[in-house]
Amino acid sequence: MGLTTLFGTYIARLISFEMRPLEKTLAKVESGFYKLIGIDVTKQMTWKEYFFALILTNLIVVVFVIVVLTLQNYLPFSQHVKGLPIDLAFHTAISFVTDTDLQHYAGEQQLSNVSQMIAITFTMFVAPASGIVAAFAFIRSFIRKNFGLRNFTWIL
């Protein structure tokens, strides 16, 4: 019960742009990283830019998962499996990125432990995170009518 209040307060502050614990300390690390890769975090995004950033991020994840699943026989400790056919790899990648988690492969017989850790577990984290990012943008559109949605990278 106590953790619910703490996490709920933290998320409410995150959505409404209030200061959170450790934000100043972590912001220094984040700002250095963002400068390194050339992102201006203070830039406000329109809904179209935000949507494009979300779709592009998910597209990159889909391509990454397809590459891992089709080339899994070249990964370390994957001697007993072959790479998945491109159509099955595409279906699996789309399924896990959209958080529907449909599995049309035979588990350990067709996927190595390494590809399950790299591709499947990774997307099981990214898919809900994408949903949270989209939900935050939706909520912020009501809270900050005149100020924009802030920056897509800021929420990550």
Protein backbone atom coordinates (compact mmCIF):
# COMPACT_ATOMS: atom_id res chain seq x y z
CA MET A 1 0.00 0.00 0.00
CA GLY A 2 2.81 2.41 0.84
CA LEU A 3 4.66 1.73 -2.41
CA THR A 4 1.49 2.38 -4.37
CA THR A 5 1.33 5.91 -3.01
CA LEU A 6 5.02 6.53 -3.72
CA PHE A 7 4.92 5.23 -7.29
CA GLY A 8 1.57 6.87 -8.01
CA THR A 9 2.89 10.23 -6.82
CA TYR A 10 6.05 9.78 -8.88
CA ILE A 11 4.11 8.99 -12.06
CA ALA A 12 1.68 11.86 -11.48
CA ARG A 13 4.65 14.22 -11.15
CA LEU A 14 6.17 12.75 -14.30
CA ILE A 15 3.01 13.38 -16.30
CA SER A 16 2.47 16.92 -15.00
CA PHE A 17 6.16 17.99 -15.23
CA GLU A 18 6.69 18.51 -11.49
CA MET A 19 10.11 17.89 -9.94
CA ARG A 20 10.77 14.30 -8.91
CA PRO A 21 13.36 12.86 -6.50
CA LEU A 22 16.85 12.65 -8.01
CA GLU A 23 15.76 14.52 -11.14
CA LYS A 24 18.48 17.18 -10.93
CA THR A 25 21.20 14.57 -10.45
CA LEU A 26 19.99 12.30 -13.24
CA ALA A 27 19.31 15.25 -15.56
CA LYS A 28 23.04 16.01 -15.69
CA VAL A 29 23.80 12.52 -16.94
CA GLU A 30 20.89 12.56 -19.39
CA SER A 31 21.72 15.99 -20.78
CA GLY A 32 25.30 14.91 -21.46
CA PHE A 33 24.06 11.84 -23.31
CA TYR A 34 21.51 13.84 -25.31
CA LYS A 35 24.16 16.40 -26.32
CA LEU A 36 26.40 13.56 -27.42
CA ILE A 37 23.76 12.16 -29.79
CA GLY A 38 22.50 15.59 -30.90
CA ILE A 39 19.03 15.80 -29.33
CA ASP A 40 17.57 19.05 -28.02
CA VAL A 41 15.43 17.97 -25.08
CA THR A 42 13.96 21.41 -24.49
CA LYS A 43 12.27 21.44 -27.92
CA GLN A 44 8.50 21.05 -27.78
CA MET A 45 7.03 18.54 -30.22
CA THR A 46 3.74 18.66 -32.03
CA TRP A 47 1.55 15.57 -31.90
CA LYS A 48 2.72 14.64 -35.41
CA GLU A 49 6.40 14.78 -34.43
CA TYR A 50 5.70 12.84 -31.25
CA PHE A 51 3.74 10.20 -33.18
CA PHE A 52 6.52 9.89 -35.78
CA ALA A 53 9.13 9.48 -33.03
CA LEU A 54 7.07 6.72 -31.39
CA ILE A 55 6.49 4.89 -34.67
CA LEU A 56 10.15 5.24 -35.70
CA THR A 57 11.31 3.85 -32.34
CA ASN A 58 9.02 0.84 -32.69
CA LEU A 59 10.10 0.33 -36.31
CA ILE A 60 13.75 0.23 -35.23
CA VAL A 61 12.88 -2.37 -32.59
CA VAL A 62 10.99 -4.47 -35.19
CA VAL A 63 13.97 -4.42 -37.56
CA PHE A 64 16.34 -5.32 -34.71
CA VAL A 65 14.18 -8.27 -33.64
CA ILE A 66 13.83 -9.54 -37.22
CA VAL A 67 17.61 -9.43 -37.67
CA VAL A 68 18.21 -11.28 -34.40
CA LEU A 69 15.63 -13.98 -35.13
CA THR A 70 16.67 -14.59 -38.75
CA LEU A 71 20.38 -14.65 -37.93
CA GLN A 72 20.16 -16.39 -34.57
CA ASN A 73 22.23 -19.35 -35.74
CA TYR A 74 25.22 -16.96 -35.92
CA LEU A 75 24.80 -15.76 -32.35
CA PRO A 76 26.96 -17.31 -29.62
CA PHE A 77 25.58 -20.46 -27.93
CA SER A 78 22.96 -20.97 -30.67
CA GLN A 79 24.31 -24.09 -32.35
CA HIS A 80 21.15 -26.19 -32.12
CA VAL A 81 18.79 -23.80 -33.95
CA LYS A 82 18.47 -22.32 -37.40
CA GLY A 83 17.40 -18.78 -38.15
CA LEU A 84 13.65 -18.27 -38.45
CA PRO A 85 12.14 -17.73 -41.90
CA ILE A 86 11.65 -14.03 -42.64
CA ASP A 87 7.85 -14.22 -42.52
CA LEU A 88 7.84 -15.93 -39.11
CA ALA A 89 10.46 -13.49 -37.80
CA PHE A 90 8.37 -10.55 -39.07
CA HIS A 91 5.20 -11.97 -37.48
CA THR A 92 6.96 -12.57 -34.17
CA ALA A 93 8.55 -9.11 -34.14
CA ILE A 94 5.28 -7.31 -34.92
CA SER A 95 3.42 -9.45 -32.43
CA PHE A 96 5.77 -8.72 -29.55
CA VAL A 97 6.20 -5.01 -30.35
CA THR A 98 2.42 -4.54 -30.39
CA ASP A 99 2.23 -6.49 -27.11
CA THR A 100 -0.07 -9.20 -28.47
CA ASP A 101 2.67 -11.81 -27.88
CA LEU A 102 1.42 -14.37 -30.43
CA GLN A 103 3.88 -17.23 -30.75
CA HIS A 104 3.84 -19.34 -33.88
CA TYR A 105 7.16 -21.00 -33.24
CA ALA A 106 8.07 -24.00 -31.15
CA GLY A 107 9.75 -22.28 -28.21
CA GLU A 108 13.11 -23.76 -27.33
CA GLN A 109 13.14 -25.91 -30.46
CA GLN A 110 13.23 -22.91 -32.80
CA LEU A 111 14.66 -20.13 -30.63
CA SER A 112 17.96 -20.21 -28.80
CA ASN A 113 18.26 -18.96 -25.25
CA VAL A 114 20.32 -16.01 -26.48
CA SER A 115 17.76 -14.92 -29.09
CA GLN A 116 14.95 -15.29 -26.53
CA MET A 117 16.88 -13.04 -24.14
CA ILE A 118 17.89 -10.51 -26.77
CA ALA A 119 14.76 -10.31 -28.91
CA ILE A 120 11.75 -11.59 -26.96
CA THR A 121 12.56 -10.29 -23.49
CA PHE A 122 13.66 -6.94 -24.90
CA THR A 123 10.38 -6.44 -26.75
CA MET A 124 8.40 -7.52 -23.70
CA PHE A 125 9.90 -4.45 -22.02
CA VAL A 126 9.72 -2.05 -24.96
CA ALA A 127 6.07 -2.73 -25.90
CA PRO A 128 4.57 -1.70 -22.55
CA ALA A 129 6.99 1.24 -22.38
CA SER A 130 5.70 2.43 -25.78
CA GLY A 131 2.16 2.14 -24.49
CA ILE A 132 3.04 4.21 -21.43
CA VAL A 133 4.69 6.86 -23.62
CA ALA A 134 1.58 7.05 -25.81
CA ALA A 135 -0.67 7.23 -22.73
CA PHE A 136 1.43 10.04 -21.24
CA ALA A 137 1.15 11.99 -24.50
CA PHE A 138 -2.62 11.50 -24.48
CA ILE A 139 -2.92 12.70 -20.88
CA ARG A 140 -0.58 15.63 -21.49
CA SER A 141 -2.68 16.76 -24.43
CA PHE A 142 -5.45 17.56 -21.94
CA ILE A 143 -3.20 19.00 -19.23
CA ARG A 144 -0.99 21.22 -21.41
CA LYS A 145 -3.26 22.50 -24.16
CA ASN A 146 -1.13 25.57 -24.94
CA PHE A 147 2.32 24.15 -24.21
CA GLY A 148 2.75 21.05 -26.38
CA LEU A 149 3.63 17.51 -25.41
CA ARG A 150 7.25 18.25 -24.54
CA ASN A 151 9.87 16.03 -26.13
CA PHE A 152 9.54 12.31 -26.90
CA THR A 153 13.05 11.54 -25.65
CA TRP A 154 12.38 13.24 -22.34
CA ILE A 155 9.88 10.62 -21.25
CA LEU A 156 12.08 7.64 -22.07
